[in-house]
Amino acid sequence: QLPIHVLMLMLTDMPTFSEAEIQRLALIAEHSIFEPIRQVFMVAQAQGQIRYVKPNLLAGFFLSIIDGINYASALPEASSKDVMASEMVSVLLDGLQTL
């Protein structure tokens, strides 16, 4: 299955849909994609595993990283998507500073 480019869908495709279609797709995306990711961050915050940042912002940030992996995977000499995902999770959790 081809990847869903969430940002592309939201910025270029959805404005061409009817208002009813936009509302329906937004609700589906909210419940099936955005909310589960947001909940993971909320649980991690509640357990003291990560510092507080607005969960909506973290979920959107995470989805933009996934879109970036889809783009980067098509570049010459790209690592596998699994390797890139692992690296991006590390960046998210540990930052960019050297350890």
N, C-alpha and C. Protein backbone atom coordinates (compact mmCIF):
# COMPACT_ATOMS: atom_id res chain seq x y z
N GLN A 1 0.84 -1.17 0.00
CA GLN A 1 0.00 0.00 0.00
C GLN A 1 0.89 1.23 0.00
N LEU A 2 0.54 2.20 -0.81
CA LEU A 2 1.31 3.43 -0.85
C LEU A 2 1.08 4.24 0.42
N PRO A 3 2.08 5.02 0.84
CA PRO A 3 1.91 5.82 2.04
C PRO A 3 0.92 6.96 1.82
N ILE A 4 0.28 7.36 2.90
CA ILE A 4 -0.60 8.53 2.87
C ILE A 4 0.25 9.74 3.24
N HIS A 5 0.27 10.70 2.39
CA HIS A 5 1.00 11.94 2.66
C HIS A 5 0.02 12.90 3.34
N VAL A 6 0.00 12.86 4.67
CA VAL A 6 -1.00 13.56 5.46
C VAL A 6 -0.96 15.06 5.19
N LEU A 7 0.21 15.66 5.24
CA LEU A 7 0.29 17.11 5.04
C LEU A 7 -0.16 17.50 3.63
N MET A 8 0.25 16.73 2.64
CA MET A 8 -0.17 17.00 1.27
C MET A 8 -1.69 16.90 1.15
N LEU A 9 -2.26 15.88 1.75
CA LEU A 9 -3.70 15.69 1.72
C LEU A 9 -4.41 16.89 2.33
N MET A 10 -3.94 17.32 3.49
CA MET A 10 -4.60 18.42 4.19
C MET A 10 -4.45 19.76 3.45
N LEU A 11 -3.28 19.99 2.88
CA LEU A 11 -3.01 21.30 2.29
C LEU A 11 -3.47 21.44 0.84
N THR A 12 -3.40 20.37 0.07
CA THR A 12 -3.72 20.52 -1.34
C THR A 12 -4.99 19.79 -1.77
N ASP A 13 -5.23 18.62 -1.23
CA ASP A 13 -6.37 17.84 -1.69
C ASP A 13 -7.68 18.23 -1.00
N MET A 14 -7.65 18.37 0.31
CA MET A 14 -8.89 18.62 1.05
C MET A 14 -9.60 19.91 0.64
N PRO A 15 -8.88 20.98 0.33
CA PRO A 15 -9.61 22.19 -0.09
C PRO A 15 -10.45 22.02 -1.36
N THR A 16 -10.18 20.96 -2.13
CA THR A 16 -10.95 20.74 -3.35
C THR A 16 -12.22 19.93 -3.08
N PHE A 17 -12.38 19.40 -1.87
CA PHE A 17 -13.54 18.60 -1.52
C PHE A 17 -14.69 19.49 -1.07
N SER A 18 -15.87 18.92 -1.05
CA SER A 18 -17.02 19.66 -0.53
C SER A 18 -16.86 19.80 0.99
N GLU A 19 -17.61 20.72 1.56
CA GLU A 19 -17.55 20.94 3.02
C GLU A 19 -17.92 19.68 3.78
N ALA A 20 -18.92 18.96 3.30
CA ALA A 20 -19.34 17.72 3.96
C ALA A 20 -18.23 16.66 3.90
N GLU A 21 -17.55 16.56 2.76
CA GLU A 21 -16.45 15.60 2.63
C GLU A 21 -15.29 15.98 3.53
N ILE A 22 -14.99 17.26 3.61
CA ILE A 22 -13.91 17.74 4.47
C ILE A 22 -14.20 17.39 5.92
N GLN A 23 -15.42 17.66 6.36
CA GLN A 23 -15.78 17.37 7.76
C GLN A 23 -15.71 15.88 8.04
N ARG A 24 -16.19 15.07 7.10
CA ARG A 24 -16.18 13.62 7.28
C ARG A 24 -14.75 13.09 7.36
N LEU A 25 -13.88 13.51 6.43
CA LEU A 25 -12.49 13.05 6.42
C LEU A 25 -11.73 13.57 7.64
N ALA A 26 -11.98 14.80 8.03
CA ALA A 26 -11.31 15.36 9.20
C ALA A 26 -11.66 14.56 10.46
N LEU A 27 -12.92 14.18 10.58
CA LEU A 27 -13.36 13.39 11.73
C LEU A 27 -12.72 12.01 11.73
N ILE A 28 -12.67 11.37 10.56
CA ILE A 28 -12.04 10.06 10.45
C ILE A 28 -10.55 10.15 10.79
N ALA A 29 -9.87 11.15 10.24
CA ALA A 29 -8.44 11.32 10.51
C ALA A 29 -8.20 11.60 11.99
N GLU A 30 -9.05 12.41 12.58
CA GLU A 30 -8.92 12.73 14.01
C GLU A 30 -9.01 11.47 14.86
N HIS A 31 -10.00 10.64 14.59
CA HIS A 31 -10.24 9.46 15.42
C HIS A 31 -9.28 8.30 15.13
N SER A 32 -8.87 8.16 13.88
CA SER A 32 -8.07 6.98 13.54
C SER A 32 -6.57 7.22 13.48
N ILE A 33 -6.15 8.46 13.29
CA ILE A 33 -4.72 8.75 13.16
C ILE A 33 -4.24 9.68 14.28
N PHE A 34 -4.83 10.84 14.36
CA PHE A 34 -4.33 11.88 15.25
C PHE A 34 -4.53 11.55 16.73
N GLU A 35 -5.74 11.14 17.10
CA GLU A 35 -6.06 10.90 18.51
C GLU A 35 -5.23 9.77 19.13
N PRO A 36 -5.03 8.63 18.47
CA PRO A 36 -4.19 7.59 19.08
C PRO A 36 -2.76 8.07 19.35
N ILE A 37 -2.21 8.85 18.44
CA ILE A 37 -0.85 9.37 18.64
C ILE A 37 -0.84 10.36 19.80
N ARG A 38 -1.84 11.23 19.83
CA ARG A 38 -1.95 12.20 20.92
C ARG A 38 -2.05 11.48 22.27
N GLN A 39 -2.81 10.40 22.33
CA GLN A 39 -2.97 9.64 23.57
C GLN A 39 -1.65 9.03 24.04
N VAL A 40 -0.83 8.55 23.11
CA VAL A 40 0.48 8.00 23.48
C VAL A 40 1.31 9.06 24.18
N PHE A 41 1.32 10.27 23.63
CA PHE A 41 2.09 11.35 24.26
C PHE A 41 1.49 11.74 25.62
N MET A 42 0.18 11.75 25.73
CA MET A 42 -0.45 12.09 27.00
C MET A 42 -0.12 11.07 28.09
N VAL A 43 -0.12 9.80 27.73
CA VAL A 43 0.22 8.75 28.70
C VAL A 43 1.68 8.89 29.12
N ALA A 44 2.57 9.12 28.16
CA ALA A 44 3.99 9.29 28.49
C ALA A 44 4.20 10.50 29.41
N GLN A 45 3.46 11.57 29.18
CA GLN A 45 3.56 12.74 30.06
C GLN A 45 3.04 12.42 31.45
N ALA A 46 1.91 11.75 31.52
CA ALA A 46 1.32 11.40 32.82
C ALA A 46 2.22 10.48 33.63
N GLN A 47 2.99 9.65 32.95
CA GLN A 47 3.90 8.73 33.63
C GLN A 47 5.27 9.36 33.89
N GLY A 48 5.43 10.63 33.52
CA GLY A 48 6.69 11.32 33.75
C GLY A 48 7.82 10.89 32.83
N GLN A 49 7.49 10.24 31.73
CA GLN A 49 8.52 9.78 30.80
C GLN A 49 9.01 10.88 29.87
N ILE A 50 8.15 11.84 29.59
CA ILE A 50 8.54 12.98 28.75
C ILE A 50 8.00 14.25 29.39
N ARG A 51 8.64 15.36 29.07
CA ARG A 51 8.19 16.64 29.63
C ARG A 51 6.91 17.08 28.94
N TYR A 52 6.23 18.04 29.54
CA TYR A 52 4.97 18.50 28.98
C TYR A 52 5.21 19.42 27.79
N VAL A 53 4.62 19.07 26.70
CA VAL A 53 4.45 19.90 25.52
C VAL A 53 3.02 19.59 25.08
N LYS A 54 2.31 20.56 24.55
CA LYS A 54 0.93 20.34 24.16
C LYS A 54 0.82 19.07 23.29
N PRO A 55 0.00 18.10 23.73
CA PRO A 55 -0.12 16.84 23.00
C PRO A 55 -0.54 17.00 21.53
N ASN A 56 -1.38 17.98 21.25
CA ASN A 56 -1.78 18.21 19.86
C ASN A 56 -0.57 18.61 19.01
N LEU A 57 0.29 19.43 19.56
CA LEU A 57 1.49 19.85 18.85
C LEU A 57 2.42 18.66 18.63
N LEU A 58 2.59 17.83 19.64
CA LEU A 58 3.45 16.65 19.51
C LEU A 58 2.91 15.69 18.46
N ALA A 59 1.60 15.47 18.44
CA ALA A 59 1.01 14.56 17.46
C ALA A 59 1.21 15.10 16.04
N GLY A 60 0.98 16.39 15.84
CA GLY A 60 1.20 16.98 14.52
C GLY A 60 2.66 16.91 14.11
N PHE A 61 3.55 17.16 15.06
CA PHE A 61 4.99 17.08 14.80
C PHE A 61 5.38 15.66 14.39
N PHE A 62 4.86 14.68 15.12
CA PHE A 62 5.16 13.28 14.81
C PHE A 62 4.67 12.92 13.41
N LEU A 63 3.47 13.34 13.05
CA LEU A 63 2.95 13.05 11.71
C LEU A 63 3.79 13.71 10.62
N SER A 64 4.30 14.91 10.89
CA SER A 64 5.15 15.56 9.89
C SER A 64 6.47 14.81 9.73
N ILE A 65 6.97 14.21 10.81
CA ILE A 65 8.19 13.39 10.72
C ILE A 65 7.92 12.17 9.84
N ILE A 66 6.78 11.54 10.02
CA ILE A 66 6.42 10.38 9.21
C ILE A 66 6.35 10.77 7.74
N ASP A 67 5.74 11.91 7.43
CA ASP A 67 5.71 12.39 6.05
C ASP A 67 7.13 12.59 5.53
N GLY A 68 8.01 13.13 6.37
CA GLY A 68 9.40 13.34 5.96
C GLY A 68 10.12 12.04 5.65
N ILE A 69 9.83 11.00 6.42
CA ILE A 69 10.44 9.70 6.16
C ILE A 69 9.98 9.16 4.81
N ASN A 70 8.70 9.32 4.51
CA ASN A 70 8.19 8.88 3.21
C ASN A 70 8.91 9.60 2.07
N TYR A 71 9.14 10.89 2.23
CA TYR A 71 9.85 11.66 1.20
C TYR A 71 11.31 11.20 1.12
N ALA A 72 11.98 11.13 2.26
CA ALA A 72 13.41 10.81 2.29
C ALA A 72 13.70 9.39 1.80
N SER A 73 12.75 8.49 1.96
CA SER A 73 12.98 7.11 1.54
C SER A 73 13.11 6.97 0.03
N ALA A 74 12.66 7.96 -0.71
CA ALA A 74 12.76 7.91 -2.17
C ALA A 74 14.07 8.51 -2.69
N LEU A 75 14.86 9.08 -1.80
CA LEU A 75 16.13 9.70 -2.21
C LEU A 75 17.19 8.62 -2.45
N PRO A 76 18.17 8.92 -3.32
CA PRO A 76 19.25 7.95 -3.55
C PRO A 76 19.99 7.61 -2.25
N GLU A 77 20.36 6.37 -2.12
CA GLU A 77 21.12 5.88 -0.96
C GLU A 77 20.39 6.07 0.37
N ALA A 78 19.07 6.06 0.33
CA ALA A 78 18.29 6.22 1.55
C ALA A 78 18.38 4.96 2.41
N SER A 79 18.35 5.16 3.71
CA SER A 79 18.24 4.03 4.63
C SER A 79 16.84 3.45 4.52
N SER A 80 16.64 2.29 5.12
CA SER A 80 15.29 1.72 5.13
C SER A 80 14.38 2.61 5.98
N LYS A 81 13.10 2.50 5.73
CA LYS A 81 12.13 3.29 6.51
C LYS A 81 12.20 2.93 7.99
N ASP A 82 12.46 1.66 8.30
CA ASP A 82 12.58 1.25 9.70
C ASP A 82 13.76 1.95 10.38
N VAL A 83 14.89 2.03 9.69
CA VAL A 83 16.07 2.70 10.24
C VAL A 83 15.78 4.19 10.42
N MET A 84 15.18 4.80 9.41
CA MET A 84 14.88 6.24 9.51
C MET A 84 13.88 6.50 10.64
N ALA A 85 12.88 5.64 10.78
CA ALA A 85 11.89 5.82 11.85
C ALA A 85 12.57 5.73 13.21
N SER A 86 13.46 4.77 13.38
CA SER A 86 14.18 4.62 14.63
C SER A 86 15.03 5.86 14.94
N GLU A 87 15.69 6.38 13.91
CA GLU A 87 16.50 7.58 14.09
C GLU A 87 15.63 8.78 14.48
N MET A 88 14.48 8.91 13.87
CA MET A 88 13.61 10.05 14.17
C MET A 88 12.99 9.95 15.56
N VAL A 89 12.66 8.73 15.99
CA VAL A 89 12.17 8.55 17.35
C VAL A 89 13.26 8.94 18.34
N SER A 90 14.50 8.58 18.04
CA SER A 90 15.63 8.97 18.89
C SER A 90 15.78 10.48 18.94
N VAL A 91 15.64 11.13 17.80
CA VAL A 91 15.71 12.60 17.77
C VAL A 91 14.58 13.19 18.60
N LEU A 92 13.40 12.63 18.46
CA LEU A 92 12.25 13.13 19.23
C LEU A 92 12.47 12.98 20.72
N LEU A 93 13.00 11.83 21.13
CA LEU A 93 13.17 11.56 22.56
C LEU A 93 14.44 12.18 23.15
N ASP A 94 15.53 12.19 22.36
CA ASP A 94 16.84 12.61 22.88
C ASP A 94 17.30 13.96 22.36
N GLY A 95 16.65 14.48 21.33
CA GLY A 95 17.07 15.75 20.75
C GLY A 95 18.22 15.54 19.77
N LEU A 96 18.79 16.65 19.32
CA LEU A 96 19.86 16.61 18.33
C LEU A 96 21.25 16.77 18.94
N GLN A 97 21.30 17.07 20.20
CA GLN A 97 22.60 17.26 20.84
C GLN A 97 23.35 15.93 20.92
N THR A 98 24.67 16.02 20.85
CA THR A 98 25.47 14.82 21.02
C THR A 98 25.34 14.34 22.46
N LEU A 99 25.39 13.05 22.62
CA LEU A 99 25.20 12.48 23.96
C LEU A 99 26.51 12.34 24.69
